[in-house]
Amino acid sequence: MSKIAVIGDPDSILSFAAVGFSTFEANDSETARKTIRNLATSDFGIIYITEYLAEQISDEIEKYRFQSSPAILSIPGMFGNTGAGMKGVYQSVEKAVGSNIL
Protein backbone atom coordinates (compact mmCIF):
# COMPACT_ATOMS: atom_id res chain seq x y z
CA MET A 1 0.00 0.00 0.00
CA SER A 2 1.28 3.46 -0.89
CA LYS A 3 2.04 5.93 1.84
CA ILE A 4 1.19 9.62 2.08
CA ALA A 5 3.82 12.29 2.70
CA VAL A 6 3.54 15.96 3.62
CA ILE A 7 6.39 18.42 3.00
CA GLY A 8 6.53 21.88 4.49
CA ASP A 9 7.54 24.10 7.36
CA PRO A 10 7.15 22.61 10.86
CA ASP A 11 4.04 24.61 11.78
CA SER A 12 2.23 23.63 8.57
CA ILE A 13 2.90 19.89 8.76
CA LEU A 14 2.50 19.23 12.48
CA SER A 15 -1.19 18.33 12.35
CA PHE A 16 -0.65 15.87 9.48
CA ALA A 17 1.62 13.73 11.66
CA ALA A 18 -1.23 13.41 14.15
CA VAL A 19 -3.39 11.65 11.56
CA GLY A 20 -0.65 9.26 10.52
CA PHE A 21 0.92 10.90 7.47
CA SER A 22 4.69 10.88 7.11
CA THR A 23 5.93 14.44 7.49
CA PHE A 24 9.12 15.95 6.13
CA GLU A 25 10.35 19.34 7.24
CA ALA A 26 11.56 21.67 4.51
CA ASN A 27 12.14 25.37 5.02
CA ASP A 28 13.83 26.08 1.70
CA SER A 29 13.54 25.09 -1.94
CA GLU A 30 16.67 22.94 -2.05
CA THR A 31 15.55 20.77 0.87
CA ALA A 32 12.08 20.47 -0.66
CA ARG A 33 13.56 19.50 -4.03
CA LYS A 34 15.74 16.76 -2.49
CA THR A 35 12.83 15.47 -0.41
CA ILE A 36 10.55 15.22 -3.47
CA ARG A 37 13.22 13.25 -5.35
CA ASN A 38 13.71 10.84 -2.45
CA LEU A 39 10.01 10.31 -1.87
CA ALA A 40 9.25 9.84 -5.57
CA THR A 41 11.55 6.81 -5.66
CA SER A 42 10.12 5.41 -2.43
CA ASP A 43 6.82 3.92 -1.40
CA PHE A 44 4.83 7.17 -1.45
CA GLY A 45 1.79 7.41 -3.72
CA ILE A 46 0.70 10.88 -2.64
CA ILE A 47 2.90 13.80 -1.70
CA TYR A 48 1.37 16.98 -0.30
CA ILE A 49 3.59 20.06 -0.30
CA THR A 50 2.82 23.54 0.97
CA GLU A 51 1.95 26.02 -1.76
CA TYR A 52 4.81 28.28 -0.74
CA LEU A 53 7.39 25.56 -1.41
CA ALA A 54 5.56 24.15 -4.44
CA GLU A 55 5.79 27.51 -6.19
CA GLN A 56 9.53 27.61 -5.56
CA ILE A 57 10.13 24.16 -7.07
CA SER A 58 7.43 24.04 -9.73
CA ASP A 59 9.98 22.83 -12.31
CA GLU A 60 10.77 19.80 -10.15
CA ILE A 61 7.11 19.00 -9.54
CA GLU A 62 6.38 19.29 -13.27
CA LYS A 63 8.70 16.31 -13.89
CA TYR A 64 6.19 14.05 -12.11
CA ARG A 65 2.96 15.53 -13.51
CA PHE A 66 2.39 12.81 -16.13
CA GLN A 67 3.49 9.88 -14.00
CA SER A 68 0.85 7.77 -12.31
CA SER A 69 2.71 7.90 -9.03
CA PRO A 70 3.40 9.85 -6.96
CA ALA A 71 0.61 12.41 -7.17
CA ILE A 72 2.06 15.70 -5.93
CA LEU A 73 -0.53 18.15 -4.63
CA SER A 74 -0.01 21.57 -3.11
CA ILE A 75 -1.83 22.59 0.05
CA PRO A 76 -2.11 25.88 1.95
CA GLY A 77 0.44 26.30 4.69
CA MET A 78 0.72 28.49 7.76
CA PHE A 79 1.70 31.39 5.51
CA GLY A 80 -1.75 31.35 3.93
CA ASN A 81 -3.36 30.28 0.71
CA THR A 82 -1.63 31.52 -2.43
CA GLY A 83 -4.19 29.98 -4.80
CA ALA A 84 -1.53 27.78 -6.40
CA GLY A 85 -3.21 24.57 -5.24
CA MET A 86 -6.52 25.35 -6.91
CA LYS A 87 -4.74 26.59 -10.02
CA GLY A 88 -3.02 23.20 -10.28
CA VAL A 89 -6.33 21.38 -9.91
CA TYR A 90 -7.88 23.49 -12.67
CA GLN A 91 -4.92 22.81 -14.96
CA SER A 92 -5.15 19.07 -14.34
CA VAL A 93 -8.89 19.04 -15.09
CA GLU A 94 -8.34 21.10 -18.24
CA LYS A 95 -5.71 18.63 -19.47
CA ALA A 96 -7.91 15.63 -18.67
CA VAL A 97 -11.06 17.06 -20.25
CA GLY A 98 -9.44 18.97 -23.08
CA SER A 99 -10.94 22.35 -22.29
CA ASN A 100 -11.62 24.73 -19.45
CA ILE A 101 -14.97 23.69 -18.01
CA LEU A 102 -15.27 26.60 -15.56
PDB file of N, CA and C in Angstrom:
ATOM      1  N   MET A   1       0.844  -1.179   0.000  1.00  0.00           N
ATOM      2  CA  MET A   1       0.000   0.000   0.000  1.00  0.00           C
ATOM      3  C   MET A   1       0.888   1.240   0.000  1.00  0.00           C
ATOM      4  N   SER A   2       0.527   2.213  -0.807  1.00  0.00           N
ATOM      5  CA  SER A   2       1.284   3.460  -0.886  1.00  0.00           C
ATOM      6  C   SER A   2       1.064   4.300   0.360  1.00  0.00           C
ATOM      7  N   LYS A   3       2.102   5.047   0.692  1.00  0.00           N
ATOM      8  CA  LYS A   3       2.043   5.929   1.843  1.00  0.00           C
ATOM      9  C   LYS A   3       1.796   7.364   1.385  1.00  0.00           C
ATOM     10  N   ILE A   4       1.442   8.208   2.343  1.00  0.00           N
ATOM     11  CA  ILE A   4       1.189   9.620   2.077  1.00  0.00           C
ATOM     12  C   ILE A   4       2.227  10.451   2.824  1.00  0.00           C
ATOM     13  N   ALA A   5       2.813  11.414   2.113  1.00  0.00           N
ATOM     14  CA  ALA A   5       3.821  12.291   2.703  1.00  0.00           C
ATOM     15  C   ALA A   5       3.348  13.733   2.649  1.00  0.00           C
ATOM     16  N   VAL A   6       3.826  14.527   3.594  1.00  0.00           N
ATOM     17  CA  VAL A   6       3.538  15.956   3.620  1.00  0.00           C
ATOM     18  C   VAL A   6       4.864  16.678   3.815  1.00  0.00           C
ATOM     19  N   ILE A   7       5.140  17.647   2.942  1.00  0.00           N
ATOM     20  CA  ILE A   7       6.385  18.420   2.996  1.00  0.00           C
ATOM     21  C   ILE A   7       6.042  19.877   3.275  1.00  0.00           C
ATOM     22  N   GLY A   8       6.754  20.472   4.215  1.00  0.00           N
ATOM     23  CA  GLY A   8       6.530  21.885   4.492  1.00  0.00           C
ATOM     24  C   GLY A   8       7.240  22.341   5.748  1.00  0.00           C
ATOM     25  N   ASP A   9       6.947  23.561   6.137  1.00  0.00           N
ATOM     26  CA  ASP A   9       7.541  24.103   7.359  1.00  0.00           C
ATOM     27  C   ASP A   9       6.924  23.393   8.568  1.00  0.00           C
ATOM     28  N   PRO A  10       7.620  23.367   9.690  1.00  0.00           N
ATOM     29  CA  PRO A  10       7.148  22.608  10.858  1.00  0.00           C
ATOM     30  C   PRO A  10       5.730  22.953  11.306  1.00  0.00           C
ATOM     31  N   ASP A  11       5.374  24.212  11.324  1.00  0.00           N
ATOM     32  CA  ASP A  11       4.042  24.609  11.780  1.00  0.00           C
ATOM     33  C   ASP A  11       2.947  24.112  10.839  1.00  0.00           C
ATOM     34  N   SER A  12       3.235  24.041   9.560  1.00  0.00           N
ATOM     35  CA  SER A  12       2.229  23.625   8.573  1.00  0.00           C
ATOM     36  C   SER A  12       2.008  22.121   8.548  1.00  0.00           C
ATOM     37  N   ILE A  13       3.016  21.346   8.895  1.00  0.00           N
ATOM     38  CA  ILE A  13       2.904  19.891   8.757  1.00  0.00           C
ATOM     39  C   ILE A  13       2.603  19.158  10.063  1.00  0.00           C
ATOM     40  N   LEU A  14       2.665  19.855  11.177  1.00  0.00           N
ATOM     41  CA  LEU A  14       2.497  19.229  12.485  1.00  0.00           C
ATOM     42  C   LEU A  14       1.202  18.441  12.606  1.00  0.00           C
ATOM     43  N   SER A  15       0.104  19.011  12.188  1.00  0.00           N
ATOM     44  CA  SER A  15      -1.187  18.328  12.345  1.00  0.00           C
ATOM     45  C   SER A  15      -1.309  17.082  11.462  1.00  0.00           C
ATOM     46  N   PHE A  16      -0.585  17.037  10.372  1.00  0.00           N
ATOM     47  CA  PHE A  16      -0.651  15.874   9.480  1.00  0.00           C
ATOM     48  C   PHE A  16      -0.012  14.643  10.126  1.00  0.00           C
ATOM     49  N   ALA A  17       0.997  14.847  10.949  1.00  0.00           N
ATOM     50  CA  ALA A  17       1.619  13.735  11.660  1.00  0.00           C
ATOM     51  C   ALA A  17       0.626  13.097  12.628  1.00  0.00           C
ATOM     52  N   ALA A  18      -0.249  13.912  13.189  1.00  0.00           N
ATOM     53  CA  ALA A  18      -1.229  13.415  14.155  1.00  0.00           C
ATOM     54  C   ALA A  18      -2.227  12.445  13.530  1.00  0.00           C
ATOM     55  N   VAL A  19      -2.456  12.560  12.225  1.00  0.00           N
ATOM     56  CA  VAL A  19      -3.393  11.650  11.556  1.00  0.00           C
ATOM     57  C   VAL A  19      -2.676  10.513  10.825  1.00  0.00           C
ATOM     58  N   GLY A  20      -1.384  10.404  11.032  1.00  0.00           N
ATOM     59  CA  GLY A  20      -0.650   9.257  10.517  1.00  0.00           C
ATOM     60  C   GLY A  20       0.105   9.448   9.223  1.00  0.00           C
ATOM     61  N   PHE A  21       0.140  10.657   8.683  1.00  0.00           N
ATOM     62  CA  PHE A  21       0.917  10.895   7.468  1.00  0.00           C
ATOM     63  C   PHE A  21       2.394  11.031   7.839  1.00  0.00           C
ATOM     64  N   SER A  22       3.251  10.673   6.915  1.00  0.00           N
ATOM     65  CA  SER A  22       4.688  10.883   7.106  1.00  0.00           C
ATOM     66  C   SER A  22       4.994  12.335   6.783  1.00  0.00           C
ATOM     67  N   THR A  23       5.644  13.025   7.695  1.00  0.00           N
ATOM     68  CA  THR A  23       5.926  14.441   7.490  1.00  0.00           C
ATOM     69  C   THR A  23       7.420  14.672   7.306  1.00  0.00           C
ATOM     70  N   PHE A  24       7.736  15.631   6.449  1.00  0.00           N
ATOM     71  CA  PHE A  24       9.123  15.955   6.133  1.00  0.00           C
ATOM     72  C   PHE A  24       9.287  17.465   6.170  1.00  0.00           C
ATOM     73  N   GLU A  25      10.129  17.912   7.078  1.00  0.00           N
ATOM     74  CA  GLU A  25      10.345  19.344   7.239  1.00  0.00           C
ATOM     75  C   GLU A  25      11.228  19.883   6.124  1.00  0.00           C
ATOM     76  N   ALA A  26      10.781  20.975   5.539  1.00  0.00           N
ATOM     77  CA  ALA A  26      11.555  21.672   4.510  1.00  0.00           C
ATOM     78  C   ALA A  26      11.267  23.161   4.645  1.00  0.00           C
ATOM     79  N   ASN A  27      12.298  23.928   4.868  1.00  0.00           N
ATOM     80  CA  ASN A  27      12.142  25.370   5.017  1.00  0.00           C
ATOM     81  C   ASN A  27      12.686  26.135   3.825  1.00  0.00           C
ATOM     82  N   ASP A  28      13.277  25.417   2.871  1.00  0.00           N
ATOM     83  CA  ASP A  28      13.832  26.083   1.699  1.00  0.00           C
ATOM     84  C   ASP A  28      13.639  25.203   0.472  1.00  0.00           C
ATOM     85  N   SER A  29      13.822  25.798  -0.682  1.00  0.00           N
ATOM     86  CA  SER A  29      13.544  25.094  -1.939  1.00  0.00           C
ATOM     87  C   SER A  29      14.483  23.913  -2.176  1.00  0.00           C
ATOM     88  N   GLU A  30      15.731  24.036  -1.798  1.00  0.00           N
ATOM     89  CA  GLU A  30      16.674  22.939  -2.048  1.00  0.00           C
ATOM     90  C   GLU A  30      16.322  21.697  -1.228  1.00  0.00           C
ATOM     91  N   THR A  31      15.966  21.899   0.034  1.00  0.00           N
ATOM     92  CA  THR A  31      15.550  20.771   0.872  1.00  0.00           C
ATOM     93  C   THR A  31      14.278  20.148   0.329  1.00  0.00           C
ATOM     94  N   ALA A  32      13.332  20.970  -0.092  1.00  0.00           N
ATOM     95  CA  ALA A  32      12.076  20.468  -0.657  1.00  0.00           C
ATOM     96  C   ALA A  32      12.335  19.670  -1.930  1.00  0.00           C
ATOM     97  N   ARG A  33      13.210  20.173  -2.771  1.00  0.00           N
ATOM     98  CA  ARG A  33      13.562  19.501  -4.031  1.00  0.00           C
ATOM     99  C   ARG A  33      14.166  18.119  -3.762  1.00  0.00           C
ATOM    100  N   LYS A  34      15.098  18.042  -2.838  1.00  0.00           N
ATOM    101  CA  LYS A  34      15.736  16.761  -2.487  1.00  0.00           C
ATOM    102  C   LYS A  34      14.721  15.796  -1.886  1.00  0.00           C
ATOM    103  N   THR A  35      13.840  16.325  -1.054  1.00  0.00           N
ATOM    104  CA  THR A  35      12.830  15.475  -0.414  1.00  0.00           C
ATOM    105  C   THR A  35      11.883  14.900  -1.454  1.00  0.00           C
ATOM    106  N   ILE A  36      11.435  15.716  -2.392  1.00  0.00           N
ATOM    107  CA  ILE A  36      10.551  15.223  -3.472  1.00  0.00           C
ATOM    108  C   ILE A  36      11.236  14.094  -4.233  1.00  0.00           C
ATOM    109  N   ARG A  37      12.490  14.287  -4.593  1.00  0.00           N
ATOM    110  CA  ARG A  37      13.218  13.254  -5.346  1.00  0.00           C
ATOM    111  C   ARG A  37      13.305  11.955  -4.565  1.00  0.00           C
ATOM    112  N   ASN A  38      13.605  12.043  -3.285  1.00  0.00           N
ATOM    113  CA  ASN A  38      13.713  10.839  -2.453  1.00  0.00           C
ATOM    114  C   ASN A  38      12.370  10.140  -2.298  1.00  0.00           C
ATOM    115  N   LEU A  39      11.328  10.902  -2.061  1.00  0.00           N
ATOM    116  CA  LEU A  39      10.008  10.309  -1.867  1.00  0.00           C
ATOM    117  C   LEU A  39       9.454   9.709  -3.150  1.00  0.00           C
ATOM    118  N   ALA A  40       9.764  10.321  -4.276  1.00  0.00           N
ATOM    119  CA  ALA A  40       9.254   9.842  -5.566  1.00  0.00           C
ATOM    120  C   ALA A  40       9.801   8.463  -5.917  1.00  0.00           C
ATOM    121  N   THR A  41      10.958   8.132  -5.392  1.00  0.00           N
ATOM    122  CA  THR A  41      11.552   6.813  -5.660  1.00  0.00           C
ATOM    123  C   THR A  41      11.280   5.840  -4.524  1.00  0.00           C
ATOM    124  N   SER A  42      10.465   6.260  -3.573  1.00  0.00           N
ATOM    125  CA  SER A  42      10.119   5.414  -2.434  1.00  0.00           C
ATOM    126  C   SER A  42       8.710   4.883  -2.582  1.00  0.00           C
ATOM    127  N   ASP A  43       8.116   4.570  -1.475  1.00  0.00           N
ATOM    128  CA  ASP A  43       6.823   3.917  -1.404  1.00  0.00           C
ATOM    129  C   ASP A  43       5.669   4.903  -1.229  1.00  0.00           C
ATOM    130  N   PHE A  44       5.844   6.147  -1.667  1.00  0.00           N
ATOM    131  CA  PHE A  44       4.832   7.169  -1.450  1.00  0.00           C
ATOM    132  C   PHE A  44       4.005   7.385  -2.718  1.00  0.00           C
ATOM    133  N   GLY A  45       2.691   7.233  -2.580  1.00  0.00           N
ATOM    134  CA  GLY A  45       1.789   7.414  -3.716  1.00  0.00           C
ATOM    135  C   GLY A  45       1.252   8.826  -3.821  1.00  0.00           C
ATOM    136  N   ILE A  46       1.183   9.511  -2.673  1.00  0.00           N
ATOM    137  CA  ILE A  46       0.698  10.884  -2.641  1.00  0.00           C
ATOM    138  C   ILE A  46       1.665  11.724  -1.835  1.00  0.00           C
ATOM    139  N   ILE A  47       2.029  12.862  -2.387  1.00  0.00           N
ATOM    140  CA  ILE A  47       2.901  13.800  -1.696  1.00  0.00           C
ATOM    141  C   ILE A  47       2.201  15.150  -1.672  1.00  0.00           C
ATOM    142  N   TYR A  48       1.906  15.631  -0.479  1.00  0.00           N
ATOM    143  CA  TYR A  48       1.374  16.978  -0.303  1.00  0.00           C
ATOM    144  C   TYR A  48       2.547  17.895   0.011  1.00  0.00           C
ATOM    145  N   ILE A  49       2.541  19.082  -0.556  1.00  0.00           N
ATOM    146  CA  ILE A  49       3.592  20.062  -0.301  1.00  0.00           C
ATOM    147  C   ILE A  49       2.931  21.433  -0.159  1.00  0.00           C
ATOM    148  N   THR A  50       3.428  22.226   0.768  1.00  0.00           N
ATOM    149  CA  THR A  50       2.820  23.539   0.971  1.00  0.00           C
ATOM    150  C   THR A  50       2.962  24.369  -0.305  1.00  0.00           C
ATOM    151  N   GLU A  51       1.958  25.198  -0.547  1.00  0.00           N
ATOM    152  CA  GLU A  51       1.947  26.024  -1.761  1.00  0.00           C
ATOM    153  C   GLU A  51       3.192  26.892  -1.869  1.00  0.00           C
ATOM    154  N   TYR A  52       3.626  27.427  -0.758  1.00  0.00           N
ATOM    155  CA  TYR A  52       4.809  28.282  -0.741  1.00  0.00           C
ATOM    156  C   TYR A  52       6.023  27.562  -1.326  1.00  0.00           C
ATOM    157  N   LEU A  53       6.260  26.334  -0.878  1.00  0.00           N
ATOM    158  CA  LEU A  53       7.393  25.563  -1.410  1.00  0.00           C
ATOM    159  C   LEU A  53       7.129  25.070  -2.828  1.00  0.00           C
ATOM    160  N   ALA A  54       5.888  24.666  -3.102  1.00  0.00           N
ATOM    161  CA  ALA A  54       5.558  24.154  -4.437  1.00  0.00           C
ATOM    162  C   ALA A  54       5.825  25.191  -5.516  1.00  0.00           C
ATOM    163  N   GLU A  55       5.522  26.443  -5.220  1.00  0.00           N
ATOM    164  CA  GLU A  55       5.787  27.507  -6.191  1.00  0.00           C
ATOM    165  C   GLU A  55       7.277  27.670  -6.445  1.00  0.00           C
ATOM    166  N   GLN A  56       8.080  27.458  -5.423  1.00  0.00           N
ATOM    167  CA  GLN A  56       9.527  27.611  -5.561  1.00  0.00           C
ATOM    168  C   GLN A  56      10.166  26.483  -6.366  1.00  0.00           C
ATOM    169  N   ILE A  57       9.540  25.308  -6.357  1.00  0.00           N
ATOM    170  CA  ILE A  57      10.133  24.164  -7.068  1.00  0.00           C
ATOM    171  C   ILE A  57       9.177  23.610  -8.122  1.00  0.00           C
ATOM    172  N   SER A  58       8.429  24.480  -8.746  1.00  0.00           N
ATOM    173  CA  SER A  58       7.432  24.042  -9.734  1.00  0.00           C
ATOM    174  C   SER A  58       8.062  23.247 -10.874  1.00  0.00           C
ATOM    175  N   ASP A  59       9.303  23.581 -11.249  1.00  0.00           N
ATOM    176  CA  ASP A  59       9.979  22.831 -12.310  1.00  0.00           C
ATOM    177  C   ASP A  59      10.225  21.381 -11.900  1.00  0.00           C
ATOM    178  N   GLU A  60      10.543  21.161 -10.652  1.00  0.00           N
ATOM    179  CA  GLU A  60      10.774  19.795 -10.150  1.00  0.00           C
ATOM    180  C   GLU A  60       9.457  19.020 -10.101  1.00  0.00           C
ATOM    181  N   ILE A  61       8.412  19.649  -9.627  1.00  0.00           N
ATOM    182  CA  ILE A  61       7.105  19.003  -9.537  1.00  0.00           C
ATOM    183  C   ILE A  61       6.577  18.657 -10.928  1.00  0.00           C
ATOM    184  N   GLU A  62       6.831  19.509 -11.886  1.00  0.00           N
ATOM    185  CA  GLU A  62       6.378  19.290 -13.265  1.00  0.00           C
ATOM    186  C   GLU A  62       6.922  17.977 -13.839  1.00  0.00           C
ATOM    187  N   LYS A  63       8.098  17.560 -13.407  1.00  0.00           N
ATOM    188  CA  LYS A  63       8.701  16.308 -13.892  1.00  0.00           C
ATOM    189  C   LYS A  63       7.827  15.096 -13.583  1.00  0.00           C
ATOM    190  N   TYR A  64       7.001  15.185 -12.544  1.00  0.00           N
ATOM    191  CA  TYR A  64       6.190  14.055 -12.108  1.00  0.00           C
ATOM    192  C   TYR A  64       4.731  14.178 -12.525  1.00  0.00           C
ATOM    193  N   ARG A  65       4.365  15.250 -13.196  1.00  0.00           N
ATOM    194  CA  ARG A  65       2.962  15.535 -13.512  1.00  0.00           C
ATOM    195  C   ARG A  65       2.295  14.414 -14.327  1.00  0.00           C
ATOM    196  N   PHE A  66       3.004  13.803 -15.254  1.00  0.00           N
ATOM    197  CA  PHE A  66       2.387  12.808 -16.130  1.00  0.00           C
ATOM    198  C   PHE A  66       2.695  11.370 -15.711  1.00  0.00           C
ATOM    199  N   GLN A  67       3.265  11.210 -14.533  1.00  0.00           N
ATOM    200  CA  GLN A  67       3.487   9.878 -13.997  1.00  0.00           C
ATOM    201  C   GLN A  67       2.288   9.485 -13.145  1.00  0.00           C
ATOM    202  N   SER A  68       1.997   8.209 -13.106  1.00  0.00           N
ATOM    203  CA  SER A  68       0.850   7.772 -12.306  1.00  0.00           C
ATOM    204  C   SER A  68       1.117   7.876 -10.813  1.00  0.00           C
ATOM    205  N   SER A  69       2.366   7.805 -10.443  1.00  0.00           N
ATOM    206  CA  SER A  69       2.708   7.897  -9.031  1.00  0.00           C
ATOM    207  C   SER A  69       4.099   8.497  -8.885  1.00  0.00           C
ATOM    208  N   PRO A  70       4.321   9.355  -7.967  1.00  0.00           N
ATOM    209  CA  PRO A  70       3.402   9.855  -6.963  1.00  0.00           C
ATOM    210  C   PRO A  70       2.581  11.024  -7.488  1.00  0.00           C
ATOM    211  N   ALA A  71       1.410  11.203  -6.904  1.00  0.00           N
ATOM    212  CA  ALA A  71       0.613  12.408  -7.166  1.00  0.00           C
ATOM    213  C   ALA A  71       1.135  13.477  -6.213  1.00  0.00           C
ATOM    214  N   ILE A  72       1.520  14.617  -6.750  1.00  0.00           N
ATOM    215  CA  ILE A  72       2.059  15.702  -5.928  1.00  0.00           C
ATOM    216  C   ILE A  72       1.047  16.841  -5.946  1.00  0.00           C
ATOM    217  N   LEU A  73       0.529  17.162  -4.768  1.00  0.00           N
ATOM    218  CA  LEU A  73      -0.533  18.151  -4.633  1.00  0.00           C
ATOM    219  C   LEU A  73      -0.108  19.239  -3.657  1.00  0.00           C
ATOM    220  N   SER A  74      -0.364  20.476  -4.012  1.00  0.00           N
ATOM    221  CA  SER A  74      -0.009  21.565  -3.107  1.00  0.00           C
ATOM    222  C   SER A  74      -1.184  21.893  -2.198  1.00  0.00           C
ATOM    223  N   ILE A  75      -0.844  22.264  -0.977  1.00  0.00           N
ATOM    224  CA  ILE A  75      -1.829  22.590   0.051  1.00  0.00           C
ATOM    225  C   ILE A  75      -1.455  23.915   0.698  1.00  0.00           C
ATOM    226  N   PRO A  76      -2.437  24.639   1.232  1.00  0.00           N
ATOM    227  CA  PRO A  76      -2.106  25.881   1.947  1.00  0.00           C
ATOM    228  C   PRO A  76      -1.264  25.564   3.177  1.00  0.00           C
ATOM    229  N   GLY A  77      -0.377  26.462   3.504  1.00  0.00           N
ATOM    230  CA  GLY A  77       0.444  26.302   4.694  1.00  0.00           C
ATOM    231  C   GLY A  77       0.108  27.368   5.710  1.00  0.00           C
ATOM    232  N   MET A  78       0.924  27.496   6.711  1.00  0.00           N
ATOM    233  CA  MET A  78       0.719  28.490   7.761  1.00  0.00           C
ATOM    234  C   MET A  78       0.859  29.912   7.229  1.00  0.00           C
ATOM    235  N   PHE A  79       1.516  30.062   6.087  1.00  0.00           N
ATOM    236  CA  PHE A  79       1.699  31.393   5.507  1.00  0.00           C
ATOM    237  C   PHE A  79       0.503  31.823   4.677  1.00  0.00           C
ATOM    238  N   GLY A  80      -0.531  30.999   4.648  1.00  0.00           N
ATOM    239  CA  GLY A  80      -1.749  31.355   3.935  1.00  0.00           C
ATOM    240  C   GLY A  80      -1.894  30.635   2.606  1.00  0.00           C
ATOM    241  N   ASN A  81      -3.008  30.902   1.980  1.00  0.00           N
ATOM    242  CA  ASN A  81      -3.364  30.283   0.714  1.00  0.00           C
ATOM    243  C   ASN A  81      -2.941  31.209  -0.426  1.00  0.00           C
ATOM    244  N   THR A  82      -2.087  30.720  -1.300  1.00  0.00           N
ATOM    245  CA  THR A  82      -1.634  31.525  -2.433  1.00  0.00           C
ATOM    246  C   THR A  82      -2.491  31.304  -3.671  1.00  0.00           C
ATOM    247  N   GLY A  83      -3.356  30.302  -3.639  1.00  0.00           N
ATOM    248  CA  GLY A  83      -4.186  29.982  -4.796  1.00  0.00           C
ATOM    249  C   GLY A  83      -3.521  29.010  -5.755  1.00  0.00           C
ATOM    250  N   ALA A  84      -2.268  28.674  -5.504  1.00  0.00           N
ATOM    251  CA  ALA A  84      -1.534  27.782  -6.402  1.00  0.00           C
ATOM    252  C   ALA A  84      -2.128  26.381  -6.423  1.00  0.00           C
ATOM    253  N   GLY A  85      -2.626  25.913  -5.298  1.00  0.00           N
ATOM    254  CA  GLY A  85      -3.208  24.571  -5.241  1.00  0.00           C
ATOM    255  C   GLY A  85      -4.417  24.441  -6.147  1.00  0.00           C
ATOM    256  N   MET A  86      -5.327  25.390  -6.066  1.00  0.00           N
ATOM    257  CA  MET A  86      -6.520  25.353  -6.914  1.00  0.00           C
ATOM    258  C   MET A  86      -6.158  25.553  -8.380  1.00  0.00           C
ATOM    259  N   LYS A  87      -5.179  26.386  -8.642  1.00  0.00           N
ATOM    260  CA  LYS A  87      -4.740  26.592 -10.025  1.00  0.00           C
ATOM    261  C   LYS A  87      -4.246  25.273 -10.620  1.00  0.00           C
ATOM    262  N   GLY A  88      -3.504  24.499  -9.826  1.00  0.00           N
ATOM    263  CA  GLY A  88      -3.018  23.198 -10.282  1.00  0.00           C
ATOM    264  C   GLY A  88      -4.144  22.227 -10.550  1.00  0.00           C
ATOM    265  N   VAL A  89      -5.171  22.248  -9.705  1.00  0.00           N
ATOM    266  CA  VAL A  89      -6.331  21.378  -9.909  1.00  0.00           C
ATOM    267  C   VAL A  89      -7.034  21.754 -11.212  1.00  0.00           C
ATOM    268  N   TYR A  90      -7.238  23.044 -11.434  1.00  0.00           N
ATOM    269  CA  TYR A  90      -7.883  23.494 -12.672  1.00  0.00           C
ATOM    270  C   TYR A  90      -7.086  23.076 -13.902  1.00  0.00           C
ATOM    271  N   GLN A  91      -5.762  23.200 -13.831  1.00  0.00           N
ATOM    272  CA  GLN A  91      -4.922  22.810 -14.964  1.00  0.00           C
ATOM    273  C   GLN A  91      -5.018  21.317 -15.229  1.00  0.00           C
ATOM    274  N   SER A  92      -5.038  20.522 -14.171  1.00  0.00           N
ATOM    275  CA  SER A  92      -5.150  19.071 -14.343  1.00  0.00           C
ATOM    276  C   SER A  92      -6.485  18.688 -14.971  1.00  0.00           C
ATOM    277  N   VAL A  93      -7.567  19.321 -14.526  1.00  0.00           N
ATOM    278  CA  VAL A  93      -8.894  19.045 -15.095  1.00  0.00           C
ATOM    279  C   VAL A  93      -8.925  19.457 -16.555  1.00  0.00           C
ATOM    280  N   GLU A  94      -8.352  20.601 -16.844  1.00  0.00           N
ATOM    281  CA  GLU A  94      -8.344  21.095 -18.238  1.00  0.00           C
ATOM    282  C   GLU A  94      -7.588  20.119 -19.141  1.00  0.00           C
ATOM    283  N   LYS A  95      -6.471  19.596 -18.665  1.00  0.00           N
ATOM    284  CA  LYS A  95      -5.711  18.628 -19.469  1.00  0.00           C
ATOM    285  C   LYS A  95      -6.496  17.341 -19.655  1.00  0.00           C
ATOM    286  N   ALA A  96      -7.162  16.893 -18.593  1.00  0.00           N
ATOM    287  CA  ALA A  96      -7.910  15.633 -18.669  1.00  0.00           C
ATOM    288  C   ALA A  96      -9.131  15.740 -19.571  1.00  0.00           C
ATOM    289  N   VAL A  97      -9.825  16.872 -19.506  1.00  0.00           N
ATOM    290  CA  VAL A  97     -11.064  17.056 -20.250  1.00  0.00           C
ATOM    291  C   VAL A  97     -10.806  17.614 -21.642  1.00  0.00           C
ATOM    292  N   GLY A  98      -9.756  18.396 -21.773  1.00  0.00           N
ATOM    293  CA  GLY A  98      -9.438  18.969 -23.079  1.00  0.00           C
ATOM    294  C   GLY A  98      -9.853  20.410 -23.239  1.00  0.00           C
ATOM    295  N   SER A  99     -10.547  20.937 -22.238  1.00  0.00           N
ATOM    296  CA  SER A  99     -10.941  22.350 -22.290  1.00  0.00           C
ATOM    297  C   SER A  99     -11.242  22.822 -20.871  1.00  0.00           C
ATOM    298  N   ASN A 100     -11.294  24.132 -20.737  1.00  0.00           N
ATOM    299  CA  ASN A 100     -11.621  24.728 -19.448  1.00  0.00           C
ATOM    300  C   ASN A 100     -13.118  24.634 -19.242  1.00  0.00           C
ATOM    301  N   ILE A 101     -13.534  23.905 -18.229  1.00  0.00           N
ATOM    302  CA  ILE A 101     -14.965  23.691 -18.006  1.00  0.00           C
ATOM    303  C   ILE A 101     -15.559  24.705 -17.038  1.00  0.00           C
ATOM    304  N   LEU A 102     -14.750  25.595 -16.523  1.00  0.00           N
ATOM    305  CA  LEU A 102     -15.266  26.596 -15.563  1.00  0.00           C
ATOM    306  C   LEU A 102     -15.531  27.918 -16.207  1.00  0.00           C
TER     307      LEU A 102
END
